């Protein structure tokens, strides 16, 4: 999990192979939550109120950076997958397949 920030025992992370909507993960002790970057609302999970308040405050200060980096993470993951598949084809571990055009 790529950690992007840590403060007061809270860990903020963004994964490479994530789904929409753009979001980040926050952990505090045994608590976990997922925060929508655009609306700064909780998508799933729960944090103690004080920790959630600090996470939302941090996210509001870095919202534009988070939105800018989210598609880069997804694109980076796809590039890595394609590079791995290409390597497998070159090593003969996978057969390249292209569907016939009609």
C-alpha atoms as a PDB file:
ATOM      1  CA  UNK A   1       0.000   0.000   0.000  1.00  0.00           C
ATOM      2  CA  UNK A   2       1.636   3.246  -1.091  1.00  0.00           C
ATOM      3  CA  UNK A   3       1.593   5.487   1.955  1.00  0.00           C
ATOM      4  CA  UNK A   4       1.316   9.133   1.003  1.00  0.00           C
ATOM      5  CA  UNK A   5       1.089  10.736   4.439  1.00  0.00           C
ATOM      6  CA  UNK A   6       1.244   9.938   8.142  1.00  0.00           C
ATOM      7  CA  UNK A   7       0.214  12.193  11.020  1.00  0.00           C
ATOM      8  CA  UNK A   8      -0.960  11.650  14.625  1.00  0.00           C
ATOM      9  CA  UNK A   9      -0.984   7.886  14.071  1.00  0.00           C
ATOM     10  CA  UNK A  10      -3.199   8.204  10.974  1.00  0.00           C
ATOM     11  CA  UNK A  11      -1.939   6.611   7.770  1.00  0.00           C
ATOM     12  CA  UNK A  12      -3.172   7.909   4.396  1.00  0.00           C
ATOM     13  CA  UNK A  13      -2.664   5.649   1.365  1.00  0.00           C
ATOM     14  CA  UNK A  14      -3.676   5.284  -2.262  1.00  0.00           C
ATOM     15  CA  UNK A  15      -3.543   1.964  -4.085  1.00  0.00           C
ATOM     16  CA  UNK A  16      -2.378   1.534  -7.694  1.00  0.00           C
ATOM     17  CA  UNK A  17      -5.213  -0.636  -8.947  1.00  0.00           C
ATOM     18  CA  UNK A  18      -8.253   1.128  -7.623  1.00  0.00           C
ATOM     19  CA  UNK A  19     -11.767   1.659  -8.879  1.00  0.00           C
ATOM     20  CA  UNK A  20     -13.778   4.842  -9.236  1.00  0.00           C
ATOM     21  CA  UNK A  21     -14.777   7.167  -7.680  1.00  0.00           C
ATOM     22  CA  UNK A  22     -11.354   8.661  -6.925  1.00  0.00           C
ATOM     23  CA  UNK A  23     -10.629   7.937  -3.275  1.00  0.00           C
ATOM     24  CA  UNK A  24      -7.958   7.295  -0.664  1.00  0.00           C
ATOM     25  CA  UNK A  25      -7.705   5.019   2.346  1.00  0.00           C
ATOM     26  CA  UNK A  26      -7.140   6.142   5.933  1.00  0.00           C
ATOM     27  CA  UNK A  27      -6.145   3.919   8.857  1.00  0.00           C
ATOM     28  CA  UNK A  28      -6.022   4.764  12.525  1.00  0.00           C
ATOM     29  CA  UNK A  29      -5.195   1.851  14.801  1.00  0.00           C
ATOM     30  CA  UNK A  30      -7.644  -0.923  13.942  1.00  0.00           C
ATOM     31  CA  UNK A  31     -10.034   1.509  12.215  1.00  0.00           C
ATOM     32  CA  UNK A  32     -10.132   1.888   8.428  1.00  0.00           C
ATOM     33  CA  UNK A  33     -12.081   4.089   6.067  1.00  0.00           C
ATOM     34  CA  UNK A  34     -12.257   5.041   2.414  1.00  0.00           C
ATOM     35  CA  UNK A  35     -12.792   8.729   1.544  1.00  0.00           C
ATOM     36  CA  UNK A  36     -14.148  10.077  -1.749  1.00  0.00           C
ATOM     37  CA  UNK A  37     -11.672  12.738  -2.896  1.00  0.00           C
ATOM     38  CA  UNK A  38     -14.237  14.928  -4.682  1.00  0.00           C
ATOM     39  CA  UNK A  39     -16.896  15.099  -1.967  1.00  0.00           C
ATOM     40  CA  UNK A  40     -14.612  14.319   1.006  1.00  0.00           C
ATOM     41  CA  UNK A  41     -17.285  11.940   2.266  1.00  0.00           C
ATOM     42  CA  UNK A  42     -16.866   8.475   3.733  1.00  0.00           C
ATOM     43  CA  UNK A  43     -17.479   5.735   1.154  1.00  0.00           C
ATOM     44  CA  UNK A  44     -16.986   2.856   3.581  1.00  0.00           C
ATOM     45  CA  UNK A  45     -15.559   2.082   6.981  1.00  0.00           C
ATOM     46  CA  UNK A  46     -15.329   4.224  10.074  1.00  0.00           C
ATOM     47  CA  UNK A  47     -12.792   6.258  12.029  1.00  0.00           C
ATOM     48  CA  UNK A  48     -13.182   7.838  15.461  1.00  0.00           C
ATOM     49  CA  UNK A  49     -14.697  11.312  15.096  1.00  0.00           C
ATOM     50  CA  UNK A  50     -11.526  13.231  16.010  1.00  0.00           C
ATOM     51  CA  UNK A  51      -9.368  11.177  13.605  1.00  0.00           C
ATOM     52  CA  UNK A  52     -11.950  11.529  10.813  1.00  0.00           C
ATOM     53  CA  UNK A  53     -12.012  15.293  11.344  1.00  0.00           C
ATOM     54  CA  UNK A  54      -8.226  15.479  10.970  1.00  0.00           C
ATOM     55  CA  UNK A  55      -8.347  13.294   7.837  1.00  0.00           C
ATOM     56  CA  UNK A  56     -11.027  15.468   6.224  1.00  0.00           C
ATOM     57  CA  UNK A  57      -9.112  18.634   7.132  1.00  0.00           C
ATOM     58  CA  UNK A  58      -5.899  17.191   5.637  1.00  0.00           C
ATOM     59  CA  UNK A  59      -7.757  16.050   2.502  1.00  0.00           C
ATOM     60  CA  UNK A  60      -9.370  19.466   2.006  1.00  0.00           C
ATOM     61  CA  UNK A  61      -5.894  21.044   2.048  1.00  0.00           C
ATOM     62  CA  UNK A  62      -4.560  18.495  -0.484  1.00  0.00           C
ATOM     63  CA  UNK A  63      -7.691  17.814  -2.549  1.00  0.00           C
ATOM     64  CA  UNK A  64      -6.355  19.170  -5.848  1.00  0.00           C
ATOM     65  CA  UNK A  65      -3.128  17.148  -5.502  1.00  0.00           C
ATOM     66  CA  UNK A  66      -5.067  13.985  -4.669  1.00  0.00           C
ATOM     67  CA  UNK A  67      -7.338  14.424  -7.696  1.00  0.00           C
ATOM     68  CA  UNK A  68      -4.356  15.113  -9.927  1.00  0.00           C
ATOM     69  CA  UNK A  69      -2.480  11.991  -8.778  1.00  0.00           C
ATOM     70  CA  UNK A  70      -5.379   9.509  -8.745  1.00  0.00           C
ATOM     71  CA  UNK A  71      -5.479   8.875 -12.534  1.00  0.00           C
ATOM     72  CA  UNK A  72      -1.692   8.644 -12.588  1.00  0.00           C
ATOM     73  CA  UNK A  73      -1.806   5.781 -10.109  1.00  0.00           C
ATOM     74  CA  UNK A  74      -4.401   3.927 -12.172  1.00  0.00           C
ATOM     75  CA  UNK A  75      -2.464   4.512 -15.410  1.00  0.00           C
ATOM     76  CA  UNK A  76       0.772   3.425 -13.731  1.00  0.00           C
ATOM     77  CA  UNK A  77      -0.865   0.150 -12.688  1.00  0.00           C
ATOM     78  CA  UNK A  78      -2.171  -0.517 -16.200  1.00  0.00           C
ATOM     79  CA  UNK A  79       1.258   0.187 -17.692  1.00  0.00           C
ATOM     80  CA  UNK A  80       2.810  -2.302 -15.274  1.00  0.00           C
ATOM     81  CA  UNK A  81       0.222  -4.959 -16.178  1.00  0.00           C
ATOM     82  CA  UNK A  82       0.774  -4.477 -19.918  1.00  0.00           C
ATOM     83  CA  UNK A  83       4.567  -4.555 -19.479  1.00  0.00           C
ATOM     84  CA  UNK A  84       4.276  -7.808 -17.521  1.00  0.00           C
ATOM     85  CA  UNK A  85       2.022  -9.392 -20.164  1.00  0.00           C
ATOM     86  CA  UNK A  86       4.402  -8.292 -22.935  1.00  0.00           C
ATOM     87  CA  UNK A  87       7.304  -9.842 -21.046  1.00  0.00           C
ATOM     88  CA  UNK A  88       5.352 -13.105 -20.690  1.00  0.00           C
ATOM     89  CA  UNK A  89       4.682 -13.123 -24.456  1.00  0.00           C
ATOM     90  CA  UNK A  90       8.369 -12.502 -25.196  1.00  0.00           C
ATOM     91  CA  UNK A  91       9.379 -15.326 -22.822  1.00  0.00           C
ATOM     92  CA  UNK A  92       6.915 -17.695 -24.525  1.00  0.00           C
ATOM     93  CA  UNK A  93       4.781 -18.024 -21.412  1.00  0.00           C
ATOM     94  CA  UNK A  94       1.778 -16.454 -23.088  1.00  0.00           C
ATOM     95  CA  UNK A  95       0.512 -16.528 -26.638  1.00  0.00           C
ATOM     96  CA  UNK A  96      -0.311 -13.197 -28.216  1.00  0.00           C
ATOM     97  CA  UNK A  97      -3.906 -13.082 -29.386  1.00  0.00           C
ATOM     98  CA  UNK A  98      -5.504 -10.594 -31.724  1.00  0.00           C
ATOM     99  CA  UNK A  99      -9.141 -11.113 -32.710  1.00  0.00           C
ATOM    100  CA  UNK A 100      -9.900 -11.332 -36.422  1.00  0.00           C
ATOM    101  CA  UNK A 101     -11.435  -8.268 -37.976  1.00  0.00           C
ATOM    102  CA  UNK A 102     -14.765  -8.863 -39.695  1.00  0.00           C
END
